[in-house]
Amino acid sequence: METFGRGCLYIIIGIGVLLLLAIVTQSHINIPFFIAIPLVILAFYIAKKRTDEKNN
């Protein structure tokens, strides 16, 4: 459960950074699925890795 929460937090932070970038540049940011899906998988992989390090 901790890994899921941490992964969601990383995704929310990433979305926040993209939103801030879009506001600063006053533009639209479109991310296609074939780029977004691996980024989500990467966020959960990093979250699992950090959770495993914490438990050891």
PDB file of N, CA and C in Angstrom:
ATOM      1  N   MET A   1       0.826  -1.200   0.000  1.00  0.00           N
ATOM      2  CA  MET A   1       0.000   0.000   0.000  1.00  0.00           C
ATOM      3  C   MET A   1       0.866   1.259   0.000  1.00  0.00           C
ATOM      4  N   GLU A   2       2.005   1.185   0.677  1.00  0.00           N
ATOM      5  CA  GLU A   2       2.900   2.335   0.721  1.00  0.00           C
ATOM      6  C   GLU A   2       3.455   2.644  -0.669  1.00  0.00           C
ATOM      7  N   THR A   3       3.746   1.591  -1.428  1.00  0.00           N
ATOM      8  CA  THR A   3       4.269   1.780  -2.784  1.00  0.00           C
ATOM      9  C   THR A   3       3.234   2.469  -3.667  1.00  0.00           C
ATOM     10  N   PHE A   4       1.971   2.075  -3.552  1.00  0.00           N
ATOM     11  CA  PHE A   4       0.916   2.696  -4.351  1.00  0.00           C
ATOM     12  C   PHE A   4       0.786   4.176  -4.015  1.00  0.00           C
ATOM     13  N   GLY A   5       0.794   4.508  -2.732  1.00  0.00           N
ATOM     14  CA  GLY A   5       0.679   5.906  -2.319  1.00  0.00           C
ATOM     15  C   GLY A   5       1.848   6.745  -2.788  1.00  0.00           C
ATOM     16  N   ARG A   6       3.048   6.173  -2.682  1.00  0.00           N
ATOM     17  CA  ARG A   6       4.234   6.893  -3.119  1.00  0.00           C
ATOM     18  C   ARG A   6       4.227   7.073  -4.641  1.00  0.00           C
ATOM     19  N   GLY A   7       3.802   6.046  -5.384  1.00  0.00           N
ATOM     20  CA  GLY A   7       3.712   6.150  -6.839  1.00  0.00           C
ATOM     21  C   GLY A   7       2.715   7.216  -7.260  1.00  0.00           C
ATOM     22  N   CYS A   8       1.564   7.240  -6.596  1.00  0.00           N
ATOM     23  CA  CYS A   8       0.558   8.270  -6.902  1.00  0.00           C
ATOM     24  C   CYS A   8       1.087   9.659  -6.581  1.00  0.00           C
ATOM     25  N   LEU A   9       1.843   9.779  -5.483  1.00  0.00           N
ATOM     26  CA  LEU A   9       2.431  11.072  -5.128  1.00  0.00           C
ATOM     27  C   LEU A   9       3.395  11.539  -6.207  1.00  0.00           C
ATOM     28  N   TYR A  10       4.235  10.627  -6.720  1.00  0.00           N
ATOM     29  CA  TYR A  10       5.169  10.993  -7.784  1.00  0.00           C
ATOM     30  C   TYR A  10       4.424  11.433  -9.040  1.00  0.00           C
ATOM     31  N   ILE A  11       3.341  10.761  -9.364  1.00  0.00           N
ATOM     32  CA  ILE A  11       2.560  11.133 -10.546  1.00  0.00           C
ATOM     33  C   ILE A  11       1.913  12.501 -10.351  1.00  0.00           C
ATOM     34  N   ILE A  12       1.370  12.760  -9.168  1.00  0.00           N
ATOM     35  CA  ILE A  12       0.751  14.058  -8.878  1.00  0.00           C
ATOM     36  C   ILE A  12       1.787  15.169  -8.947  1.00  0.00           C
ATOM     37  N   ILE A  13       2.987  14.925  -8.419  1.00  0.00           N
ATOM     38  CA  ILE A  13       4.053  15.935  -8.490  1.00  0.00           C
ATOM     39  C   ILE A  13       4.436  16.192  -9.948  1.00  0.00           C
ATOM     40  N   GLY A  14       4.518  15.129 -10.757  1.00  0.00           N
ATOM     41  CA  GLY A  14       4.838  15.292 -12.172  1.00  0.00           C
ATOM     42  C   GLY A  14       3.789  16.105 -12.908  1.00  0.00           C
ATOM     43  N   ILE A  15       2.524  15.844 -12.612  1.00  0.00           N
ATOM     44  CA  ILE A  15       1.438  16.610 -13.237  1.00  0.00           C
ATOM     45  C   ILE A  15       1.507  18.069 -12.803  1.00  0.00           C
ATOM     46  N   GLY A  16       1.839  18.300 -11.535  1.00  0.00           N
ATOM     47  CA  GLY A  16       1.976  19.669 -11.040  1.00  0.00           C
ATOM     48  C   GLY A  16       3.095  20.426 -11.736  1.00  0.00           C
ATOM     49  N   VAL A  17       4.210  19.744 -11.967  1.00  0.00           N
ATOM     50  CA  VAL A  17       5.331  20.373 -12.675  1.00  0.00           C
ATOM     51  C   VAL A  17       4.925  20.711 -14.107  1.00  0.00           C
ATOM     52  N   LEU A  18       4.229  19.776 -14.777  1.00  0.00           N
ATOM     53  CA  LEU A  18       3.765  20.057 -16.139  1.00  0.00           C
ATOM     54  C   LEU A  18       2.771  21.206 -16.163  1.00  0.00           C
ATOM     55  N   LEU A  19       1.890  21.278 -15.169  1.00  0.00           N
ATOM     56  CA  LEU A  19       0.930  22.373 -15.094  1.00  0.00           C
ATOM     57  C   LEU A  19       1.649  23.701 -14.897  1.00  0.00           C
ATOM     58  N   LEU A  20       2.631  23.718 -14.020  1.00  0.00           N
ATOM     59  CA  LEU A  20       3.404  24.942 -13.798  1.00  0.00           C
ATOM     60  C   LEU A  20       4.143  25.357 -15.066  1.00  0.00           C
ATOM     61  N   LEU A  21       4.723  24.380 -15.776  1.00  0.00           N
ATOM     62  CA  LEU A  21       5.407  24.673 -17.035  1.00  0.00           C
ATOM     63  C   LEU A  21       4.436  25.239 -18.071  1.00  0.00           C
ATOM     64  N   ALA A  22       3.230  24.681 -18.132  1.00  0.00           N
ATOM     65  CA  ALA A  22       2.235  25.177 -19.076  1.00  0.00           C
ATOM     66  C   ALA A  22       1.790  26.599 -18.722  1.00  0.00           C
ATOM     67  N   ILE A  23       1.677  26.888 -17.441  1.00  0.00           N
ATOM     68  CA  ILE A  23       1.277  28.238 -17.028  1.00  0.00           C
ATOM     69  C   ILE A  23       2.370  29.243 -17.349  1.00  0.00           C
ATOM     70  N   VAL A  24       3.619  28.868 -17.077  1.00  0.00           N
ATOM     71  CA  VAL A  24       4.731  29.780 -17.326  1.00  0.00           C
ATOM     72  C   VAL A  24       4.881  30.063 -18.818  1.00  0.00           C
ATOM     73  N   THR A  25       4.774  29.036 -19.648  1.00  0.00           N
ATOM     74  CA  THR A  25       4.945  29.228 -21.093  1.00  0.00           C
ATOM     75  C   THR A  25       3.658  29.630 -21.793  1.00  0.00           C
ATOM     76  N   GLN A  26       2.552  29.652 -21.073  1.00  0.00           N
ATOM     77  CA  GLN A  26       1.232  29.985 -21.609  1.00  0.00           C
ATOM     78  C   GLN A  26       0.918  29.159 -22.854  1.00  0.00           C
ATOM     79  N   SER A  27       1.055  27.839 -22.711  1.00  0.00           N
ATOM     80  CA  SER A  27       0.808  26.945 -23.834  1.00  0.00           C
ATOM     81  C   SER A  27       0.073  25.697 -23.349  1.00  0.00           C
ATOM     82  N   HIS A  28      -0.280  24.854 -24.297  1.00  0.00           N
ATOM     83  CA  HIS A  28      -0.894  23.564 -23.995  1.00  0.00           C
ATOM     84  C   HIS A  28       0.178  22.501 -24.099  1.00  0.00           C
ATOM     85  N   ILE A  29       0.136  21.546 -23.185  1.00  0.00           N
ATOM     86  CA  ILE A  29       1.078  20.436 -23.224  1.00  0.00           C
ATOM     87  C   ILE A  29       0.277  19.168 -23.481  1.00  0.00           C
ATOM     88  N   ASN A  30       0.556  18.521 -24.600  1.00  0.00           N
ATOM     89  CA  ASN A  30      -0.105  17.265 -24.953  1.00  0.00           C
ATOM     90  C   ASN A  30       0.913  16.137 -24.852  1.00  0.00           C
ATOM     91  N   ILE A  31       0.590  15.121 -24.067  1.00  0.00           N
ATOM     92  CA  ILE A  31       1.475  13.974 -23.918  1.00  0.00           C
ATOM     93  C   ILE A  31       0.746  12.754 -24.469  1.00  0.00           C
ATOM     94  N   PRO A  32       1.273  12.131 -25.517  1.00  0.00           N
ATOM     95  CA  PRO A  32       0.617  10.946 -26.080  1.00  0.00           C
ATOM     96  C   PRO A  32       0.713   9.752 -25.132  1.00  0.00           C
ATOM     97  N   PHE A  33      -0.207   8.795 -25.330  1.00  0.00           N
ATOM     98  CA  PHE A  33      -0.266   7.633 -24.447  1.00  0.00           C
ATOM     99  C   PHE A  33       1.015   6.816 -24.470  1.00  0.00           C
ATOM    100  N   PHE A  34       1.656   6.690 -25.623  1.00  0.00           N
ATOM    101  CA  PHE A  34       2.843   5.856 -25.689  1.00  0.00           C
ATOM    102  C   PHE A  34       4.034   6.468 -24.948  1.00  0.00           C
ATOM    103  N   ILE A  35       3.919   7.715 -24.532  1.00  0.00           N
ATOM    104  CA  ILE A  35       4.921   8.328 -23.661  1.00  0.00           C
ATOM    105  C   ILE A  35       4.428   8.351 -22.216  1.00  0.00           C
ATOM    106  N   ALA A  36       3.149   8.602 -22.001  1.00  0.00           N
ATOM    107  CA  ALA A  36       2.601   8.727 -20.653  1.00  0.00           C
ATOM    108  C   ALA A  36       2.590   7.396 -19.903  1.00  0.00           C
ATOM    109  N   ILE A  37       2.229   6.306 -20.578  1.00  0.00           N
ATOM    110  CA  ILE A  37       2.137   5.010 -19.907  1.00  0.00           C
ATOM    111  C   ILE A  37       3.495   4.561 -19.367  1.00  0.00           C
ATOM    112  N   PRO A  38       4.598   4.635 -20.145  1.00  0.00           N
ATOM    113  CA  PRO A  38       5.888   4.274 -19.555  1.00  0.00           C
ATOM    114  C   PRO A  38       6.305   5.180 -18.396  1.00  0.00           C
ATOM    115  N   LEU A  39       5.909   6.464 -18.435  1.00  0.00           N
ATOM    116  CA  LEU A  39       6.232   7.355 -17.316  1.00  0.00           C
ATOM    117  C   LEU A  39       5.504   6.946 -16.044  1.00  0.00           C
ATOM    118  N   VAL A  40       4.250   6.512 -16.175  1.00  0.00           N
ATOM    119  CA  VAL A  40       3.499   6.024 -15.021  1.00  0.00           C
ATOM    120  C   VAL A  40       4.149   4.745 -14.477  1.00  0.00           C
ATOM    121  N   ILE A  41       4.526   3.847 -15.369  1.00  0.00           N
ATOM    122  CA  ILE A  41       5.195   2.613 -14.941  1.00  0.00           C
ATOM    123  C   ILE A  41       6.518   2.949 -14.261  1.00  0.00           C
ATOM    124  N   LEU A  42       7.261   3.906 -14.794  1.00  0.00           N
ATOM    125  CA  LEU A  42       8.523   4.328 -14.191  1.00  0.00           C
ATOM    126  C   LEU A  42       8.304   4.908 -12.794  1.00  0.00           C
ATOM    127  N   ALA A  43       7.252   5.688 -12.610  1.00  0.00           N
ATOM    128  CA  ALA A  43       6.964   6.268 -11.294  1.00  0.00           C
ATOM    129  C   ALA A  43       6.700   5.178 -10.266  1.00  0.00           C
ATOM    130  N   PHE A  44       5.921   4.161 -10.641  1.00  0.00           N
ATOM    131  CA  PHE A  44       5.644   3.086  -9.700  1.00  0.00           C
ATOM    132  C   PHE A  44       6.866   2.199  -9.471  1.00  0.00           C
ATOM    133  N   TYR A  45       7.715   2.040 -10.486  1.00  0.00           N
ATOM    134  CA  TYR A  45       8.947   1.268 -10.315  1.00  0.00           C
ATOM    135  C   TYR A  45       9.878   1.959  -9.319  1.00  0.00           C
ATOM    136  N   ILE A  46      10.033   3.276  -9.466  1.00  0.00           N
ATOM    137  CA  ILE A  46      10.882   4.031  -8.536  1.00  0.00           C
ATOM    138  C   ILE A  46      10.293   3.989  -7.126  1.00  0.00           C
ATOM    139  N   ALA A  47       8.968   4.084  -7.018  1.00  0.00           N
ATOM    140  CA  ALA A  47       8.322   4.015  -5.709  1.00  0.00           C
ATOM    141  C   ALA A  47       8.563   2.657  -5.065  1.00  0.00           C
ATOM    142  N   LYS A  48       8.474   1.574  -5.829  1.00  0.00           N
ATOM    143  CA  LYS A  48       8.718   0.240  -5.289  1.00  0.00           C
ATOM    144  C   LYS A  48      10.167   0.089  -4.848  1.00  0.00           C
ATOM    145  N   LYS A  49      11.074   0.616  -5.648  1.00  0.00           N
ATOM    146  CA  LYS A  49      12.498   0.542  -5.320  1.00  0.00           C
ATOM    147  C   LYS A  49      12.785   1.282  -4.013  1.00  0.00           C
ATOM    148  N   ARG A  50      12.213   2.468  -3.848  1.00  0.00           N
ATOM    149  CA  ARG A  50      12.430   3.240  -2.614  1.00  0.00           C
ATOM    150  C   ARG A  50      11.807   2.556  -1.405  1.00  0.00           C
ATOM    151  N   THR A  51      10.631   1.956  -1.582  1.00  0.00           N
ATOM    152  CA  THR A  51       9.955   1.257  -0.493  1.00  0.00           C
ATOM    153  C   THR A  51      10.772   0.025  -0.069  1.00  0.00           C
ATOM    154  N   ASP A  52      11.307  -0.703  -1.049  1.00  0.00           N
ATOM    155  CA  ASP A  52      12.133  -1.865  -0.740  1.00  0.00           C
ATOM    156  C   ASP A  52      13.412  -1.468  -0.009  1.00  0.00           C
ATOM    157  N   GLU A  53      14.026  -0.347  -0.409  1.00  0.00           N
ATOM    158  CA  GLU A  53      15.228   0.142   0.275  1.00  0.00           C
ATOM    159  C   GLU A  53      14.911   0.517   1.725  1.00  0.00           C
ATOM    160  N   LYS A  54      13.742   1.101   1.937  1.00  0.00           N
ATOM    161  CA  LYS A  54      13.351   1.514   3.286  1.00  0.00           C
ATOM    162  C   LYS A  54      13.120   0.309   4.187  1.00  0.00           C
ATOM    163  N   ASN A  55      12.553  -0.773   3.618  1.00  0.00           N
ATOM    164  CA  ASN A  55      12.253  -1.955   4.409  1.00  0.00           C
ATOM    165  C   ASN A  55      13.481  -2.779   4.753  1.00  0.00           C
ATOM    166  N   ASN A  56      14.572  -2.617   4.006  1.00  0.00           N
ATOM    167  CA  ASN A  56      15.788  -3.400   4.277  1.00  0.00           C
ATOM    168  C   ASN A  56      16.686  -2.748   5.240  1.00  0.00           C
TER     169      ASN A  56
END
